C-alpha atoms as a PDB file:
ATOM      1  CA  MET A   1      21.493  13.372  -9.028  1.00  0.00           C
ATOM      2  CA  GLY A   2      18.772  15.789  -8.793  1.00  0.00           C
ATOM      3  CA  HIS A   3      16.179  14.145 -11.903  1.00  0.00           C
ATOM      4  CA  ALA A   4      12.878  15.434 -10.905  1.00  0.00           C
ATOM      5  CA  GLY A   5       9.917  13.250 -10.678  1.00  0.00           C
ATOM      6  CA  HIS A   6      10.212  10.918  -7.671  1.00  0.00           C
ATOM      7  CA  GLN A   7      12.931  10.105  -5.193  1.00  0.00           C
ATOM      8  CA  SER A   8      14.628   7.211  -6.058  1.00  0.00           C
ATOM      9  CA  HIS A   9      14.225   5.049  -2.898  1.00  0.00           C
ATOM     10  CA  MET A  10      10.194   5.857  -2.037  1.00  0.00           C
ATOM     11  CA  LEU A  11       8.582   3.734   0.468  1.00  0.00           C
ATOM     12  CA  ILE A  12       4.590   3.271  -0.892  1.00  0.00           C
ATOM     13  CA  TYR A  13       2.054   0.831   1.929  1.00  0.00           C
ATOM     14  CA  LYS A  14      -0.118  -1.306   1.061  1.00  0.00           C
ATOM     15  CA  ILE A  15      -3.379  -1.908   3.839  1.00  0.00           C
ATOM     16  CA  LEU A  16      -4.356  -5.551   3.800  1.00  0.00           C
ATOM     17  CA  ARG A  17      -7.476  -7.352   5.816  1.00  0.00           C
ATOM     18  CA  ALA A  18      -6.104 -10.159   8.034  1.00  0.00           C
ATOM     19  CA  ASP A  19      -7.263 -12.255   5.961  1.00  0.00           C
ATOM     20  CA  GLU A  20      -5.703 -10.877   2.774  1.00  0.00           C
ATOM     21  CA  TRP A  21      -2.413 -10.813   4.567  1.00  0.00           C
ATOM     22  CA  SER A  22      -3.097 -14.708   4.675  1.00  0.00           C
ATOM     23  CA  ALA A  23      -3.381 -15.576   1.230  1.00  0.00           C
ATOM     24  CA  PHE A  24      -0.103 -13.089   0.609  1.00  0.00           C
ATOM     25  CA  GLN A  25       2.102 -15.044   3.262  1.00  0.00           C
ATOM     26  CA  SER A  26       0.274 -18.674   2.200  1.00  0.00           C
ATOM     27  CA  GLN A  27       0.788 -18.178  -1.809  1.00  0.00           C
ATOM     28  CA  GLY A  28       3.453 -15.475  -1.779  1.00  0.00           C
ATOM     29  CA  GLU A  29       2.316 -13.487  -4.008  1.00  0.00           C
ATOM     30  CA  THR A  30      -1.021 -11.353  -4.933  1.00  0.00           C
ATOM     31  CA  LEU A  31      -3.043  -9.702  -7.012  1.00  0.00           C
ATOM     32  CA  GLY A  32      -4.509  -7.566  -4.264  1.00  0.00           C
ATOM     33  CA  ALA A  33      -7.466  -6.550  -2.513  1.00  0.00           C
ATOM     34  CA  PRO A  34     -11.117  -7.381  -4.338  1.00  0.00           C
ATOM     35  CA  ILE A  35     -10.935  -3.543  -5.275  1.00  0.00           C
ATOM     36  CA  ASP A  36      -7.555  -4.090  -6.415  1.00  0.00           C
ATOM     37  CA  LEU A  37      -9.059  -7.066  -8.761  1.00  0.00           C
ATOM     38  CA  ASN A  38     -11.543  -4.713  -9.650  1.00  0.00           C
ATOM     39  CA  ASP A  39      -9.791  -2.354 -11.392  1.00  0.00           C
ATOM     40  CA  GLY A  40      -7.189  -4.257 -12.823  1.00  0.00           C
ATOM     41  CA  PHE A  41      -4.314  -2.584 -10.563  1.00  0.00           C
ATOM     42  CA  ILE A  42      -3.003  -2.938  -7.019  1.00  0.00           C
ATOM     43  CA  HIS A  43      -3.556   0.127  -4.838  1.00  0.00           C
ATOM     44  CA  PHE A  44      -0.719   2.009  -2.925  1.00  0.00           C
ATOM     45  CA  SER A  45      -0.620   5.160  -1.075  1.00  0.00           C
ATOM     46  CA  THR A  46       2.487   7.118   0.092  1.00  0.00           C
ATOM     47  CA  ALA A  47       3.095   7.936   3.739  1.00  0.00           C
ATOM     48  CA  ALA A  48       0.811  10.656   3.479  1.00  0.00           C
ATOM     49  CA  GLN A  49      -1.830   9.378   2.090  1.00  0.00           C
ATOM     50  CA  ALA A  50      -1.700   5.736   3.827  1.00  0.00           C
ATOM     51  CA  GLN A  51      -4.039   7.303   7.106  1.00  0.00           C
ATOM     52  CA  GLU A  52      -6.764   8.835   4.539  1.00  0.00           C
ATOM     53  CA  THR A  53      -6.782   5.532   2.631  1.00  0.00           C
ATOM     54  CA  ALA A  54      -7.327   3.895   5.893  1.00  0.00           C
ATOM     55  CA  ALA A  55      -9.597   6.531   7.092  1.00  0.00           C
ATOM     56  CA  LYS A  56     -12.123   6.233   3.985  1.00  0.00           C
ATOM     57  CA  HIS A  57     -11.348   2.609   2.618  1.00  0.00           C
ATOM     58  CA  PHE A  58     -11.322   0.234   6.369  1.00  0.00           C
ATOM     59  CA  ALA A  59     -13.572   2.687   8.486  1.00  0.00           C
ATOM     60  CA  GLY A  60     -13.864   0.711  12.131  1.00  0.00           C
ATOM     61  CA  VAL A  61     -11.476  -2.361  10.318  1.00  0.00           C
ATOM     62  CA  GLU A  62      -9.832  -4.608  13.069  1.00  0.00           C
ATOM     63  CA  GLY A  63      -6.707  -6.510  11.984  1.00  0.00           C
ATOM     64  CA  LEU A  64      -5.337  -4.388   9.104  1.00  0.00           C
ATOM     65  CA  TRP A  65      -2.258  -4.626   8.528  1.00  0.00           C
ATOM     66  CA  LEU A  66       0.558  -1.791   6.722  1.00  0.00           C
ATOM     67  CA  LEU A  67       2.582  -3.218   4.127  1.00  0.00           C
ATOM     68  CA  ALA A  68       5.741  -1.335   3.019  1.00  0.00           C
ATOM     69  CA  PHE A  69       7.545  -1.575   0.125  1.00  0.00           C
ATOM     70  CA  ASP A  70      10.373   0.407  -2.242  1.00  0.00           C
ATOM     71  CA  GLY A  71       8.502   2.075  -5.424  1.00  0.00           C
ATOM     72  CA  ALA A  72      11.584   2.656  -6.792  1.00  0.00           C
ATOM     73  CA  ALA A  73      12.656  -0.804  -6.968  1.00  0.00           C
ATOM     74  CA  MET A  74       9.233  -2.077  -8.802  1.00  0.00           C
ATOM     75  CA  GLY A  75      10.032  -0.918 -12.249  1.00  0.00           C
ATOM     76  CA  ASP A  76       7.663   0.406 -14.553  1.00  0.00           C
ATOM     77  CA  THR A  77       4.824  -1.946 -14.411  1.00  0.00           C
ATOM     78  CA  LEU A  78       4.492   0.759 -11.471  1.00  0.00           C
ATOM     79  CA  LYS A  79       2.718   3.622 -12.362  1.00  0.00           C
ATOM     80  CA  TRP A  80       1.871   7.373 -10.542  1.00  0.00           C
ATOM     81  CA  GLU A  81      -1.876   8.115 -11.579  1.00  0.00           C
ATOM     82  CA  VAL A  82      -4.264  10.949 -10.674  1.00  0.00           C
ATOM     83  CA  SER A  83      -6.811   9.426  -8.199  1.00  0.00           C
ATOM     84  CA  ARG A  84      -8.880  11.370  -5.588  1.00  0.00           C
ATOM     85  CA  GLY A  85      -8.558  14.787  -4.878  1.00  0.00           C
ATOM     86  CA  GLY A  86      -5.921  15.006  -8.043  1.00  0.00           C
ATOM     87  CA  ALA A  87      -3.017  13.603  -6.135  1.00  0.00           C
ATOM     88  CA  ASP A  88      -0.779  10.803  -7.669  1.00  0.00           C
ATOM     89  CA  PHE A  89      -1.214   7.372  -6.558  1.00  0.00           C
ATOM     90  CA  PRO A  90       0.977   4.323  -6.997  1.00  0.00           C
ATOM     91  CA  HIS A  91      -0.389   1.862  -8.914  1.00  0.00           C
ATOM     92  CA  LEU A  92       1.273  -1.566  -9.768  1.00  0.00           C
ATOM     93  CA  TYR A  93       0.023  -3.128 -13.128  1.00  0.00           C
ATOM     94  CA  ARG A  94       1.522  -7.173 -11.813  1.00  0.00           C
ATOM     95  CA  LYS A  95       1.572  -9.221  -9.321  1.00  0.00           C
ATOM     96  CA  LEU A  96       3.052  -8.168  -6.194  1.00  0.00           C
ATOM     97  CA  ALA A  97       5.511 -10.490  -4.200  1.00  0.00           C
ATOM     98  CA  LEU A  98       6.353 -11.154  -0.513  1.00  0.00           C
ATOM     99  CA  SER A  99       9.536 -10.851  -1.237  1.00  0.00           C
ATOM    100  CA  GLU A 100       9.386  -7.577  -2.583  1.00  0.00           C
ATOM    101  CA  MET A 101       7.969  -6.068   1.332  1.00  0.00           C
ATOM    102  CA  LEU A 102      10.107  -4.631   3.167  1.00  0.00           C
ATOM    103  CA  TRP A 103       8.793  -4.794   6.245  1.00  0.00           C
ATOM    104  CA  CYS A 104       4.996  -5.316   7.591  1.00  0.00           C
ATOM    105  CA  LYS A 105       3.376  -3.871  10.765  1.00  0.00           C
ATOM    106  CA  PRO A 106      -0.060  -4.193  12.208  1.00  0.00           C
ATOM    107  CA  LEU A 107      -3.264  -1.350  12.239  1.00  0.00           C
ATOM    108  CA  PRO A 108      -4.376  -0.942  15.576  1.00  0.00           C
ATOM    109  CA  LEU A 109      -7.352   0.084  15.799  1.00  0.00           C
ATOM    110  CA  VAL A 110      -7.660   2.155  18.622  1.00  0.00           C
ATOM    111  CA  GLN A 111     -10.864   4.930  20.030  1.00  0.00           C
ATOM    112  CA  GLY A 112     -11.834   4.167  15.882  1.00  0.00           C
ATOM    113  CA  GLN A 113      -8.873   5.386  14.826  1.00  0.00           C
ATOM    114  CA  HIS A 114      -6.286   3.379  13.387  1.00  0.00           C
ATOM    115  CA  GLN A 115      -2.380   3.776  14.521  1.00  0.00           C
ATOM    116  CA  PHE A 116      -0.267   4.226  11.889  1.00  0.00           C
ATOM    117  CA  PRO A 117       3.964   3.620  12.726  1.00  0.00           C
ATOM    118  CA  ASP A 118       5.753   6.802  13.985  1.00  0.00           C
ATOM    119  CA  ASP A 119       8.395   5.888  11.885  1.00  0.00           C
ATOM    120  CA  MET A 120       6.403   6.252   8.055  1.00  0.00           C
ATOM    121  CA  SER A 121       8.320   7.964   5.225  1.00  0.00           C
END
């Protein structure tokens, strides 16, 4: 299977504020947060990028949720595009469905730092 590029089963992550997460649950789909609506795509992060994203965009924010998705299952509407610092970030160019979510965990704020799950990959 040794094809170049990203793994066939690649987890990507979305961080949502509490109100965005409750809206996603009630509607069953989302176009993302205000920044996503503004940019025209939904921003995701890899495991390595998620902590930096939290520190940069959600510093000091309580009540965050970490949602995990299988990037490989999203098809051609998921594009890997160069973002800040020259790194490839996953961007989704369609609505995100709640049924696609693999799991969701709270991101507690402990002494000013978001506590990510140990088993992120």
